[in-house]
């Protein structure tokens, strides 16, 4: 089932215009990418809030309707009010349905309740919670399941052990030396060992969604 969000063209720009929109229960947004000029649009705060209640909307190709015109987009960035948490601005990236896109997809770990080691007190250590993938928009998964039901104490699952959907490629394993980039994703470990790993673990760098440069979005 496709996810749809409605929008209208926005002529006014600037902080004052954005405040007026928010008072009218609307928020500013922008669409860019696919070699086209950026477009400023307006969204209903109620509609975008309802859409985001479905976690699939964060990693799905959306049908953005501007009047009768439909654009295929993904959500590239969200801005929220620091205190209230409500959405204040949305960036949409246009998608060419015939070209592969690169984006981050969350991992869903399943089977913990049935894992014998965890039932006996072992700890599930999740080293990676999302992965960067490349695929055609039609093949884009909303998440990737990692089944740890039969993962024994001391065992781990690495990137090459993930069950990837058809047509979806892990970008980390496309750099030539697969072994060097085949990092551990999840492991079942004794609680004491887990604590020692957490104390010594380096801070992982943030991973940005690959795509077109957002510098061409223009001023709000």
N, C-alpha and C. Protein backbone atom coordinates (compact mmCIF):
# COMPACT_ATOMS: atom_id res chain seq x y z
N UNK A 1 0.84 -1.20 0.00
CA UNK A 1 0.00 0.00 0.00
C UNK A 1 0.87 1.25 0.00
N UNK A 2 0.61 2.18 -0.92
CA UNK A 2 1.40 3.39 -1.01
C UNK A 2 0.98 4.38 0.07
N UNK A 3 1.93 5.19 0.49
CA UNK A 3 1.67 6.22 1.49
C UNK A 3 1.62 7.56 0.77
N UNK A 4 0.59 8.34 1.05
CA UNK A 4 0.37 9.60 0.33
C UNK A 4 0.33 10.77 1.31
N UNK A 5 0.93 11.88 0.91
CA UNK A 5 0.88 13.13 1.68
C UNK A 5 0.51 14.25 0.72
N UNK A 6 -0.38 15.12 1.14
CA UNK A 6 -0.84 16.23 0.30
C UNK A 6 -0.10 17.51 0.64
N UNK A 7 0.06 18.36 -0.36
CA UNK A 7 0.77 19.62 -0.17
C UNK A 7 0.21 20.67 -1.10
N UNK A 8 0.52 21.93 -0.79
CA UNK A 8 0.21 23.05 -1.67
C UNK A 8 1.47 23.86 -1.91
N UNK A 9 1.51 24.56 -3.03
CA UNK A 9 2.67 25.39 -3.35
C UNK A 9 2.75 26.55 -2.36
N UNK A 10 3.96 26.87 -1.92
CA UNK A 10 4.17 27.96 -0.95
C UNK A 10 4.91 29.10 -1.64
N UNK A 11 4.30 30.26 -1.64
CA UNK A 11 4.91 31.44 -2.26
C UNK A 11 5.72 32.24 -1.25
N UNK A 12 5.16 32.47 -0.06
CA UNK A 12 5.85 33.27 0.95
C UNK A 12 6.97 32.47 1.59
N UNK A 13 8.08 33.15 1.89
CA UNK A 13 9.21 32.52 2.53
C UNK A 13 9.68 33.40 3.69
N UNK A 14 10.59 32.84 4.47
CA UNK A 14 11.13 33.59 5.60
C UNK A 14 10.50 33.16 6.92
N UNK A 15 11.09 33.63 8.01
CA UNK A 15 10.65 33.22 9.34
C UNK A 15 9.24 33.70 9.64
N UNK A 16 8.93 34.93 9.21
CA UNK A 16 7.60 35.46 9.47
C UNK A 16 6.52 34.63 8.79
N UNK A 17 6.77 34.27 7.54
CA UNK A 17 5.81 33.45 6.80
C UNK A 17 5.66 32.08 7.44
N UNK A 18 6.76 31.51 7.91
CA UNK A 18 6.70 30.21 8.54
C UNK A 18 5.89 30.26 9.83
N UNK A 19 6.05 31.34 10.59
CA UNK A 19 5.27 31.48 11.83
C UNK A 19 3.78 31.58 11.51
N UNK A 20 3.45 32.32 10.46
CA UNK A 20 2.04 32.45 10.09
C UNK A 20 1.45 31.09 9.68
N UNK A 21 2.25 30.31 8.98
CA UNK A 21 1.79 28.98 8.60
C UNK A 21 1.51 28.12 9.83
N UNK A 22 2.40 28.17 10.79
CA UNK A 22 2.24 27.34 11.97
C UNK A 22 1.03 27.76 12.80
N UNK A 23 0.75 29.05 12.82
CA UNK A 23 -0.46 29.51 13.51
C UNK A 23 -1.71 28.98 12.81
N UNK A 24 -1.60 28.73 11.51
CA UNK A 24 -2.73 28.18 10.74
C UNK A 24 -2.70 26.65 10.70
N UNK A 25 -1.90 26.05 11.59
CA UNK A 25 -1.76 24.60 11.69
C UNK A 25 -1.21 23.99 10.41
N UNK A 26 -0.29 24.71 9.80
CA UNK A 26 0.43 24.23 8.63
C UNK A 26 1.93 24.40 8.88
N UNK A 27 2.74 23.68 8.12
CA UNK A 27 4.19 23.82 8.27
C UNK A 27 4.84 23.93 6.89
N UNK A 28 5.99 24.61 6.83
CA UNK A 28 6.71 24.71 5.56
C UNK A 28 7.48 23.43 5.28
N UNK A 29 7.68 23.18 4.00
CA UNK A 29 8.48 22.02 3.57
C UNK A 29 9.12 22.36 2.24
N UNK A 30 10.02 21.51 1.81
CA UNK A 30 10.71 21.74 0.54
C UNK A 30 10.94 20.40 -0.15
N UNK A 31 10.91 20.43 -1.48
CA UNK A 31 11.24 19.25 -2.31
C UNK A 31 12.45 19.62 -3.17
N UNK A 32 13.41 18.71 -3.26
CA UNK A 32 14.57 18.97 -4.12
C UNK A 32 15.10 17.64 -4.65
N UNK A 33 16.02 17.73 -5.59
CA UNK A 33 16.65 16.53 -6.13
C UNK A 33 16.14 16.17 -7.51
N UNK A 34 16.70 15.08 -8.05
CA UNK A 34 16.36 14.53 -9.37
C UNK A 34 16.62 15.53 -10.49
N UNK A 35 17.57 16.44 -10.28
CA UNK A 35 17.93 17.39 -11.32
C UNK A 35 16.93 18.50 -11.55
N UNK A 36 15.95 18.63 -10.65
CA UNK A 36 14.93 19.67 -10.80
C UNK A 36 15.16 20.77 -9.76
N UNK A 37 14.58 21.95 -10.04
CA UNK A 37 14.71 23.06 -9.10
C UNK A 37 13.95 22.75 -7.81
N UNK A 38 14.44 23.25 -6.68
CA UNK A 38 13.72 23.05 -5.41
C UNK A 38 12.34 23.72 -5.46
N UNK A 39 11.40 23.13 -4.77
CA UNK A 39 10.05 23.68 -4.69
C UNK A 39 9.65 23.84 -3.22
N UNK A 40 9.16 25.02 -2.88
CA UNK A 40 8.68 25.28 -1.53
C UNK A 40 7.20 24.92 -1.45
N UNK A 41 6.84 24.14 -0.44
CA UNK A 41 5.46 23.68 -0.31
C UNK A 41 4.98 23.84 1.13
N UNK A 42 3.70 23.62 1.32
CA UNK A 42 3.08 23.69 2.64
C UNK A 42 2.36 22.39 2.93
N UNK A 43 2.48 21.91 4.17
CA UNK A 43 1.83 20.69 4.60
C UNK A 43 0.87 20.98 5.75
N UNK A 44 -0.14 20.16 5.89
CA UNK A 44 -1.00 20.20 7.07
C UNK A 44 -0.28 19.53 8.22
N UNK A 45 -0.17 20.21 9.36
CA UNK A 45 0.52 19.63 10.52
C UNK A 45 -0.18 18.35 10.97
N UNK A 46 -1.50 18.32 10.85
CA UNK A 46 -2.24 17.14 11.28
C UNK A 46 -1.97 15.94 10.35
N UNK A 47 -1.88 16.21 9.05
CA UNK A 47 -1.66 15.13 8.10
C UNK A 47 -0.25 14.56 8.23
N UNK A 48 0.75 15.43 8.35
CA UNK A 48 2.12 14.92 8.45
C UNK A 48 2.33 14.21 9.78
N UNK A 49 1.70 14.69 10.85
CA UNK A 49 1.81 14.02 12.15
C UNK A 49 1.20 12.63 12.08
N UNK A 50 0.04 12.53 11.43
CA UNK A 50 -0.62 11.23 11.28
C UNK A 50 0.23 10.29 10.43
N UNK A 51 0.82 10.81 9.35
CA UNK A 51 1.66 10.00 8.49
C UNK A 51 2.84 9.43 9.27
N UNK A 52 3.47 10.25 10.10
CA UNK A 52 4.67 9.83 10.82
C UNK A 52 4.38 8.87 11.96
N UNK A 53 3.11 8.69 12.29
CA UNK A 53 2.75 7.67 13.28
C UNK A 53 3.02 6.27 12.74
N UNK A 54 3.07 6.15 11.42
CA UNK A 54 3.43 4.90 10.77
C UNK A 54 4.93 4.91 10.54
N UNK A 55 5.67 4.08 11.26
CA UNK A 55 7.13 4.11 11.17
C UNK A 55 7.63 3.78 9.77
N UNK A 56 6.82 3.12 8.95
CA UNK A 56 7.23 2.81 7.59
C UNK A 56 7.41 4.07 6.75
N UNK A 57 6.76 5.16 7.15
CA UNK A 57 6.83 6.39 6.35
C UNK A 57 8.25 6.97 6.31
N UNK A 58 9.07 6.65 7.32
CA UNK A 58 10.42 7.19 7.38
C UNK A 58 11.34 6.56 6.34
N UNK A 59 11.01 5.35 5.89
CA UNK A 59 11.89 4.64 4.96
C UNK A 59 11.15 4.17 3.71
N UNK A 60 10.01 4.75 3.42
CA UNK A 60 9.24 4.38 2.24
C UNK A 60 9.27 5.48 1.19
N UNK A 61 9.07 5.09 -0.06
CA UNK A 61 8.86 6.07 -1.12
C UNK A 61 7.42 6.55 -1.00
N UNK A 62 7.23 7.85 -0.83
CA UNK A 62 5.91 8.44 -0.62
C UNK A 62 5.38 9.06 -1.90
N UNK A 63 4.07 9.07 -2.04
CA UNK A 63 3.42 9.81 -3.12
C UNK A 63 3.06 11.19 -2.57
N UNK A 64 3.79 12.20 -3.00
CA UNK A 64 3.53 13.57 -2.58
C UNK A 64 2.64 14.22 -3.63
N UNK A 65 1.44 14.58 -3.24
CA UNK A 65 0.46 15.17 -4.16
C UNK A 65 0.43 16.69 -3.99
N UNK A 66 0.76 17.41 -5.06
CA UNK A 66 0.66 18.87 -5.08
C UNK A 66 -0.43 19.19 -6.10
N UNK A 67 -1.63 19.39 -5.61
CA UNK A 67 -2.77 19.48 -6.50
C UNK A 67 -2.98 18.12 -7.15
N UNK A 68 -2.96 18.08 -8.49
CA UNK A 68 -3.11 16.81 -9.20
C UNK A 68 -1.78 16.21 -9.62
N UNK A 69 -0.69 16.91 -9.30
CA UNK A 69 0.64 16.44 -9.67
C UNK A 69 1.22 15.55 -8.58
N UNK A 70 1.75 14.39 -8.98
CA UNK A 70 2.33 13.46 -8.01
C UNK A 70 3.84 13.39 -8.15
N UNK A 71 4.53 13.50 -7.02
CA UNK A 71 5.99 13.37 -6.98
C UNK A 71 6.33 12.17 -6.10
N UNK A 72 7.29 11.36 -6.56
CA UNK A 72 7.80 10.26 -5.73
C UNK A 72 8.95 10.79 -4.90
N UNK A 73 8.84 10.69 -3.58
CA UNK A 73 9.82 11.30 -2.68
C UNK A 73 10.09 10.37 -1.50
N UNK A 74 11.21 10.64 -0.81
CA UNK A 74 11.45 10.08 0.51
C UNK A 74 11.69 11.25 1.46
N UNK A 75 11.48 11.02 2.73
CA UNK A 75 11.76 12.04 3.74
C UNK A 75 13.27 12.06 3.96
N UNK A 76 13.89 13.20 3.68
CA UNK A 76 15.34 13.33 3.85
C UNK A 76 15.70 13.90 5.21
N UNK A 77 14.86 14.81 5.71
CA UNK A 77 15.18 15.43 6.99
C UNK A 77 13.90 15.95 7.63
N UNK A 78 13.86 15.88 8.96
CA UNK A 78 12.75 16.43 9.75
C UNK A 78 13.31 17.38 10.79
N UNK A 79 12.66 18.51 10.97
CA UNK A 79 12.99 19.41 12.06
C UNK A 79 11.81 19.44 13.02
N UNK A 80 12.11 19.39 14.31
CA UNK A 80 11.07 19.39 15.33
C UNK A 80 11.30 20.51 16.33
N UNK A 81 10.23 20.95 16.97
CA UNK A 81 10.32 21.94 18.03
C UNK A 81 11.11 21.32 19.19
N UNK A 82 12.14 22.01 19.71
CA UNK A 82 13.00 21.41 20.73
C UNK A 82 12.29 21.03 22.02
N UNK A 83 11.21 21.72 22.35
CA UNK A 83 10.50 21.43 23.60
C UNK A 83 9.24 20.60 23.36
N UNK A 84 8.48 20.98 22.33
CA UNK A 84 7.19 20.31 22.09
C UNK A 84 7.32 19.04 21.27
N UNK A 85 8.39 18.93 20.48
CA UNK A 85 8.60 17.73 19.68
C UNK A 85 7.77 17.66 18.41
N UNK A 86 6.98 18.70 18.15
CA UNK A 86 6.15 18.68 16.94
C UNK A 86 7.01 19.02 15.72
N UNK A 87 6.61 18.50 14.57
CA UNK A 87 7.35 18.75 13.33
C UNK A 87 7.19 20.21 12.92
N UNK A 88 8.30 20.85 12.58
CA UNK A 88 8.26 22.26 12.16
C UNK A 88 8.72 22.45 10.71
N UNK A 89 9.37 21.46 10.13
CA UNK A 89 9.82 21.57 8.74
C UNK A 89 10.17 20.18 8.23
N UNK A 90 9.92 19.95 6.93
CA UNK A 90 10.23 18.66 6.32
C UNK A 90 10.98 18.88 5.02
N UNK A 91 12.03 18.11 4.82
CA UNK A 91 12.75 18.08 3.55
C UNK A 91 12.39 16.78 2.84
N UNK A 92 11.93 16.90 1.60
CA UNK A 92 11.65 15.73 0.77
C UNK A 92 12.67 15.66 -0.35
N UNK A 93 13.16 14.46 -0.63
CA UNK A 93 14.08 14.24 -1.74
C UNK A 93 13.33 13.53 -2.86
N UNK A 94 13.34 14.14 -4.06
CA UNK A 94 12.70 13.49 -5.21
C UNK A 94 13.43 12.20 -5.57
N UNK A 95 12.67 11.23 -6.01
CA UNK A 95 13.23 9.93 -6.37
C UNK A 95 12.92 9.62 -7.83
N UNK A 96 13.96 9.18 -8.54
CA UNK A 96 13.78 8.66 -9.89
C UNK A 96 13.52 7.16 -9.75
N UNK A 97 12.32 6.72 -10.09
CA UNK A 97 11.93 5.33 -9.88
C UNK A 97 12.76 4.35 -10.70
N UNK A 98 13.51 4.85 -11.68
CA UNK A 98 14.33 3.98 -12.52
C UNK A 98 15.79 3.94 -12.09
N UNK A 99 16.13 4.72 -11.06
CA UNK A 99 17.51 4.77 -10.60
C UNK A 99 17.61 4.30 -9.15
N UNK A 100 18.71 3.63 -8.84
CA UNK A 100 18.92 3.15 -7.47
C UNK A 100 19.11 4.33 -6.53
N UNK A 101 18.62 4.17 -5.31
CA UNK A 101 18.84 5.18 -4.28
C UNK A 101 19.62 4.54 -3.15
N UNK A 102 20.28 5.39 -2.38
CA UNK A 102 21.07 4.94 -1.23
C UNK A 102 20.51 5.60 0.02
N UNK A 103 20.15 4.80 1.00
CA UNK A 103 19.58 5.34 2.22
C UNK A 103 19.77 4.37 3.37
N UNK A 104 19.46 4.81 4.60
CA UNK A 104 19.59 3.96 5.78
C UNK A 104 18.28 3.25 6.09
N UNK A 105 18.38 1.99 6.45
CA UNK A 105 17.22 1.17 6.79
C UNK A 105 17.43 0.59 8.19
N UNK A 106 16.41 0.66 9.06
CA UNK A 106 16.57 0.12 10.41
C UNK A 106 16.57 -1.41 10.43
N UNK A 107 17.26 -1.96 11.42
CA UNK A 107 17.25 -3.40 11.65
C UNK A 107 16.24 -3.70 12.76
N UNK A 108 15.43 -4.74 12.56
CA UNK A 108 14.49 -5.21 13.58
C UNK A 108 14.98 -6.57 14.08
N UNK A 109 15.34 -6.64 15.35
CA UNK A 109 15.84 -7.88 15.93
C UNK A 109 14.66 -8.68 16.47
N UNK A 110 14.49 -9.89 15.96
CA UNK A 110 13.35 -10.72 16.34
C UNK A 110 13.84 -12.03 16.94
N UNK A 111 13.02 -12.63 17.79
CA UNK A 111 13.35 -13.93 18.36
C UNK A 111 14.02 -13.89 19.71
N UNK A 112 14.14 -12.70 20.33
CA UNK A 112 14.82 -12.61 21.63
C UNK A 112 14.09 -13.40 22.70
N UNK A 113 12.76 -13.39 22.65
CA UNK A 113 11.97 -14.10 23.67
C UNK A 113 12.17 -15.61 23.60
N UNK A 114 12.54 -16.12 22.41
CA UNK A 114 12.72 -17.56 22.24
C UNK A 114 14.18 -17.98 22.34
N UNK A 115 15.10 -17.02 22.50
CA UNK A 115 16.53 -17.33 22.54
C UNK A 115 16.89 -17.95 23.89
N UNK A 116 17.45 -19.16 23.86
CA UNK A 116 17.73 -19.89 25.11
C UNK A 116 18.76 -19.16 25.97
N UNK A 117 19.81 -18.64 25.34
CA UNK A 117 20.84 -17.96 26.11
C UNK A 117 20.30 -16.73 26.82
N UNK A 118 19.48 -15.96 26.14
CA UNK A 118 18.91 -14.75 26.75
C UNK A 118 17.96 -15.13 27.88
N UNK A 119 17.21 -16.21 27.70
CA UNK A 119 16.31 -16.67 28.77
C UNK A 119 17.09 -17.06 30.03
N UNK A 120 18.34 -17.49 29.84
CA UNK A 120 19.18 -17.91 30.98
C UNK A 120 20.03 -16.77 31.54
N UNK A 121 19.82 -15.54 31.03
CA UNK A 121 20.51 -14.38 31.61
C UNK A 121 21.55 -13.73 30.74
N UNK A 122 21.80 -14.26 29.55
CA UNK A 122 22.77 -13.62 28.64
C UNK A 122 22.20 -12.31 28.12
N UNK A 123 23.07 -11.51 27.55
CA UNK A 123 22.72 -10.18 27.06
C UNK A 123 22.80 -10.14 25.54
N UNK A 124 21.81 -9.49 24.93
CA UNK A 124 21.85 -9.26 23.49
C UNK A 124 22.54 -7.93 23.23
N UNK A 125 23.67 -7.97 22.57
CA UNK A 125 24.44 -6.76 22.27
C UNK A 125 24.23 -6.39 20.81
N UNK A 126 23.55 -5.26 20.58
CA UNK A 126 23.27 -4.78 19.22
C UNK A 126 24.33 -3.75 18.83
N UNK A 127 25.28 -4.16 18.00
CA UNK A 127 26.35 -3.26 17.58
C UNK A 127 25.87 -2.29 16.50
N UNK A 128 24.93 -2.73 15.68
CA UNK A 128 24.42 -1.94 14.56
C UNK A 128 22.90 -1.96 14.61
N UNK A 129 22.26 -0.80 14.50
CA UNK A 129 20.80 -0.74 14.53
C UNK A 129 20.20 -0.31 13.19
N UNK A 130 21.04 0.13 12.26
CA UNK A 130 20.58 0.45 10.91
C UNK A 130 21.74 0.24 9.94
N UNK A 131 21.40 0.01 8.68
CA UNK A 131 22.43 -0.22 7.67
C UNK A 131 22.13 0.62 6.44
N UNK A 132 23.18 1.01 5.74
CA UNK A 132 23.02 1.75 4.50
C UNK A 132 22.88 0.76 3.35
N UNK A 133 21.83 0.96 2.54
CA UNK A 133 21.57 0.05 1.43
C UNK A 133 21.44 0.82 0.13
N UNK A 134 21.57 0.08 -0.96
CA UNK A 134 21.36 0.62 -2.29
C UNK A 134 20.39 -0.30 -3.02
N UNK A 135 19.36 0.31 -3.64
CA UNK A 135 18.37 -0.50 -4.36
C UNK A 135 17.48 0.42 -5.18
N UNK A 136 16.72 -0.16 -6.08
CA UNK A 136 15.70 0.59 -6.79
C UNK A 136 14.57 0.94 -5.81
N UNK A 137 13.92 2.07 -6.01
CA UNK A 137 12.85 2.48 -5.10
C UNK A 137 11.78 1.40 -4.90
N UNK A 138 11.46 0.66 -5.95
CA UNK A 138 10.43 -0.38 -5.83
C UNK A 138 10.86 -1.51 -4.91
N UNK A 139 12.18 -1.69 -4.69
CA UNK A 139 12.69 -2.77 -3.84
C UNK A 139 13.01 -2.30 -2.43
N UNK A 140 12.79 -1.03 -2.15
CA UNK A 140 13.20 -0.47 -0.86
C UNK A 140 12.41 -1.09 0.29
N UNK A 141 13.10 -1.77 1.24
CA UNK A 141 12.39 -2.34 2.39
C UNK A 141 12.19 -1.27 3.46
N UNK A 142 11.16 -1.44 4.27
CA UNK A 142 10.94 -0.50 5.38
C UNK A 142 11.83 -0.86 6.57
N UNK A 143 12.26 -2.12 6.65
CA UNK A 143 13.18 -2.58 7.69
C UNK A 143 13.75 -3.91 7.26
N UNK A 144 14.77 -4.36 7.98
CA UNK A 144 15.38 -5.66 7.71
C UNK A 144 15.36 -6.46 9.00
N UNK A 145 14.73 -7.64 8.96
CA UNK A 145 14.64 -8.49 10.15
C UNK A 145 15.94 -9.25 10.37
N UNK A 146 16.35 -9.30 11.64
CA UNK A 146 17.52 -10.09 12.04
C UNK A 146 17.03 -11.09 13.08
N UNK A 147 16.97 -12.36 12.70
CA UNK A 147 16.43 -13.40 13.57
C UNK A 147 17.53 -13.95 14.47
N UNK A 148 17.38 -13.72 15.78
CA UNK A 148 18.41 -14.18 16.72
C UNK A 148 17.87 -15.34 17.58
N UNK A 149 16.80 -15.97 17.12
CA UNK A 149 16.20 -17.06 17.88
C UNK A 149 17.21 -18.14 18.24
N UNK A 150 18.01 -18.56 17.29
CA UNK A 150 18.95 -19.68 17.49
C UNK A 150 20.39 -19.22 17.67
N UNK A 151 20.60 -17.94 17.96
CA UNK A 151 21.96 -17.43 18.15
C UNK A 151 22.46 -17.87 19.53
N UNK A 152 23.50 -18.70 19.55
CA UNK A 152 24.00 -19.28 20.80
C UNK A 152 24.89 -18.30 21.55
N UNK A 153 25.08 -18.57 22.84
CA UNK A 153 25.96 -17.75 23.66
C UNK A 153 27.36 -17.70 23.06
N UNK A 154 27.89 -16.50 22.86
CA UNK A 154 29.22 -16.33 22.28
C UNK A 154 29.21 -16.20 20.77
N UNK A 155 28.08 -16.46 20.12
CA UNK A 155 27.99 -16.32 18.67
C UNK A 155 27.54 -14.91 18.29
N UNK A 156 27.80 -14.56 17.03
CA UNK A 156 27.39 -13.26 16.53
C UNK A 156 26.90 -13.39 15.09
N UNK A 157 26.21 -12.37 14.63
CA UNK A 157 25.80 -12.25 13.23
C UNK A 157 26.49 -11.01 12.67
N UNK A 158 27.16 -11.17 11.54
CA UNK A 158 27.83 -10.05 10.90
C UNK A 158 27.02 -9.57 9.71
N UNK A 159 27.50 -8.55 9.03
CA UNK A 159 26.78 -8.00 7.88
C UNK A 159 26.53 -9.06 6.81
N UNK A 160 27.53 -9.91 6.56
CA UNK A 160 27.36 -10.94 5.54
C UNK A 160 26.35 -12.01 5.97
N UNK A 161 25.99 -12.04 7.25
CA UNK A 161 25.01 -13.00 7.73
C UNK A 161 23.59 -12.49 7.70
N UNK A 162 23.39 -11.24 7.28
CA UNK A 162 22.04 -10.70 7.20
C UNK A 162 21.30 -11.28 6.00
N UNK A 163 20.02 -11.51 6.18
CA UNK A 163 19.17 -12.01 5.10
C UNK A 163 18.59 -10.81 4.36
N UNK A 164 19.25 -10.41 3.28
CA UNK A 164 18.86 -9.21 2.56
C UNK A 164 17.75 -9.50 1.56
N UNK A 165 16.79 -8.59 1.45
CA UNK A 165 15.73 -8.76 0.43
C UNK A 165 16.33 -8.73 -0.98
N UNK A 166 15.62 -9.33 -1.90
CA UNK A 166 16.07 -9.38 -3.29
C UNK A 166 16.22 -7.97 -3.85
N UNK A 167 17.36 -7.73 -4.50
CA UNK A 167 17.59 -6.43 -5.13
C UNK A 167 18.17 -5.38 -4.21
N UNK A 168 18.39 -5.72 -2.93
CA UNK A 168 18.90 -4.76 -1.96
C UNK A 168 20.34 -5.11 -1.61
N UNK A 169 21.23 -4.12 -1.72
CA UNK A 169 22.66 -4.34 -1.52
C UNK A 169 23.14 -3.52 -0.32
N UNK A 170 23.94 -4.15 0.53
CA UNK A 170 24.60 -3.42 1.62
C UNK A 170 25.79 -2.65 1.05
N UNK A 171 25.77 -1.34 1.16
CA UNK A 171 26.85 -0.54 0.58
C UNK A 171 28.19 -0.80 1.26
N UNK A 172 28.17 -1.20 2.53
CA UNK A 172 29.42 -1.46 3.26
C UNK A 172 30.20 -2.62 2.65
N UNK A 173 29.49 -3.50 1.93
CA UNK A 173 30.15 -4.67 1.36
C UNK A 173 30.44 -4.51 -0.13
N UNK A 174 30.46 -3.26 -0.59
CA UNK A 174 30.74 -3.00 -2.01
C UNK A 174 32.08 -2.29 -2.20
N UNK A 175 32.91 -2.27 -1.15
CA UNK A 175 34.15 -1.51 -1.21
C UNK A 175 35.37 -2.36 -1.55
N UNK A 176 35.16 -3.58 -2.01
CA UNK A 176 36.29 -4.41 -2.45
C UNK A 176 36.69 -5.43 -1.39
N UNK A 177 37.19 -4.97 -0.26
CA UNK A 177 37.64 -5.87 0.81
C UNK A 177 36.46 -6.15 1.73
N UNK A 178 35.69 -7.18 1.40
CA UNK A 178 34.48 -7.49 2.16
C UNK A 178 34.82 -7.85 3.60
N UNK A 179 35.87 -8.64 3.79
CA UNK A 179 36.23 -9.08 5.15
C UNK A 179 36.53 -7.90 6.06
N UNK A 180 37.16 -6.87 5.52
CA UNK A 180 37.52 -5.71 6.34
C UNK A 180 36.30 -4.89 6.76
N UNK A 181 35.22 -4.97 5.99
CA UNK A 181 34.03 -4.18 6.27
C UNK A 181 32.89 -5.03 6.84
N UNK A 182 33.16 -6.32 7.05
CA UNK A 182 32.10 -7.22 7.52
C UNK A 182 32.00 -7.16 9.05
N UNK A 183 31.47 -6.05 9.55
CA UNK A 183 31.41 -5.84 10.99
C UNK A 183 30.31 -6.66 11.66
N UNK A 184 30.47 -6.88 12.96
CA UNK A 184 29.46 -7.60 13.73
C UNK A 184 28.21 -6.72 13.89
N UNK A 185 27.06 -7.34 13.76
CA UNK A 185 25.79 -6.64 13.89
C UNK A 185 25.19 -6.88 15.27
N UNK A 186 25.21 -8.13 15.72
CA UNK A 186 24.58 -8.47 16.99
C UNK A 186 25.25 -9.73 17.55
N UNK A 187 25.29 -9.83 18.89
CA UNK A 187 25.88 -11.00 19.53
C UNK A 187 25.14 -11.28 20.83
N UNK A 188 25.15 -12.55 21.23
CA UNK A 188 24.63 -12.95 22.54
C UNK A 188 25.84 -13.21 23.43
N UNK A 189 25.94 -12.46 24.54
CA UNK A 189 27.13 -12.52 25.37
C UNK A 189 26.76 -12.57 26.85
N UNK A 190 27.70 -13.06 27.63
CA UNK A 190 27.52 -13.03 29.08
C UNK A 190 27.48 -11.59 29.55
N UNK A 191 26.74 -11.33 30.60
CA UNK A 191 26.55 -9.97 31.08
C UNK A 191 27.87 -9.30 31.44
N UNK A 192 28.80 -10.02 32.06
CA UNK A 192 30.09 -9.45 32.46
C UNK A 192 30.89 -9.03 31.24
N UNK A 193 30.93 -9.91 30.22
CA UNK A 193 31.66 -9.59 28.99
C UNK A 193 31.02 -8.40 28.30
N UNK A 194 29.71 -8.35 28.31
CA UNK A 194 28.98 -7.23 27.71
C UNK A 194 29.39 -5.92 28.34
N UNK A 195 29.49 -5.87 29.68
CA UNK A 195 29.85 -4.63 30.37
C UNK A 195 31.26 -4.19 30.00
N UNK A 196 32.19 -5.14 29.87
CA UNK A 196 33.56 -4.79 29.49
C UNK A 196 33.63 -4.22 28.09
N UNK A 197 32.82 -4.78 27.16
CA UNK A 197 32.79 -4.28 25.78
C UNK A 197 32.25 -2.86 25.73
N UNK A 198 31.20 -2.59 26.50
CA UNK A 198 30.60 -1.26 26.49
C UNK A 198 31.57 -0.22 27.02
N UNK A 199 32.39 -0.59 28.02
CA UNK A 199 33.35 0.36 28.58
C UNK A 199 34.43 0.73 27.58
N UNK A 200 34.80 -0.25 26.72
CA UNK A 200 35.91 -0.04 25.79
C UNK A 200 35.47 0.34 24.39
N UNK A 201 34.17 0.32 24.13
CA UNK A 201 33.68 0.53 22.76
C UNK A 201 33.90 1.96 22.31
N UNK A 202 34.43 2.18 21.08
CA UNK A 202 34.57 3.53 20.54
C UNK A 202 33.23 4.09 20.14
N UNK A 203 33.14 5.40 20.06
CA UNK A 203 31.91 6.05 19.63
C UNK A 203 31.80 5.94 18.12
N UNK A 204 30.70 5.40 17.64
CA UNK A 204 30.51 5.22 16.19
C UNK A 204 30.17 6.54 15.53
N UNK A 205 30.78 6.84 14.37
CA UNK A 205 30.44 8.07 13.66
C UNK A 205 29.05 8.01 13.08
N UNK A 206 28.43 9.17 12.91
CA UNK A 206 27.09 9.22 12.33
C UNK A 206 27.18 8.91 10.84
N UNK A 207 26.17 8.24 10.33
CA UNK A 207 26.10 7.92 8.91
C UNK A 207 25.04 8.77 8.26
N UNK A 208 25.42 9.52 7.23
CA UNK A 208 24.47 10.36 6.54
C UNK A 208 23.84 9.60 5.39
N UNK A 209 22.61 9.92 5.11
CA UNK A 209 21.93 9.32 3.95
C UNK A 209 22.56 9.87 2.69
N UNK A 210 22.99 9.01 1.84
CA UNK A 210 23.58 9.45 0.57
C UNK A 210 22.48 9.97 -0.33
N UNK A 211 22.82 10.93 -1.14
CA UNK A 211 21.82 11.50 -2.05
C UNK A 211 22.35 12.79 -2.61
N UNK A 212 21.49 13.60 -3.12
CA UNK A 212 21.92 14.85 -3.71
C UNK A 212 22.19 15.86 -2.63
N UNK A 213 23.09 16.78 -2.91
CA UNK A 213 23.49 17.78 -1.94
C UNK A 213 22.33 18.68 -1.60
N UNK A 214 22.09 18.84 -0.29
CA UNK A 214 20.96 19.65 0.16
C UNK A 214 21.24 21.15 0.09
N UNK A 215 22.49 21.54 -0.33
CA UNK A 215 22.81 22.95 -0.37
C UNK A 215 21.99 23.71 -1.39
N UNK A 216 21.35 22.97 -2.35
CA UNK A 216 20.58 23.66 -3.38
C UNK A 216 19.13 23.87 -3.00
N UNK A 217 18.84 23.71 -1.70
CA UNK A 217 17.44 23.81 -1.28
C UNK A 217 16.93 25.23 -1.25
N UNK A 218 17.80 26.18 -1.11
CA UNK A 218 17.34 27.56 -1.06
C UNK A 218 17.00 27.99 0.34
N UNK A 219 16.70 29.26 0.52
CA UNK A 219 16.40 29.82 1.83
C UNK A 219 14.95 29.59 2.19
N UNK A 220 14.72 29.42 3.47
CA UNK A 220 13.36 29.29 3.95
C UNK A 220 12.87 30.62 4.50
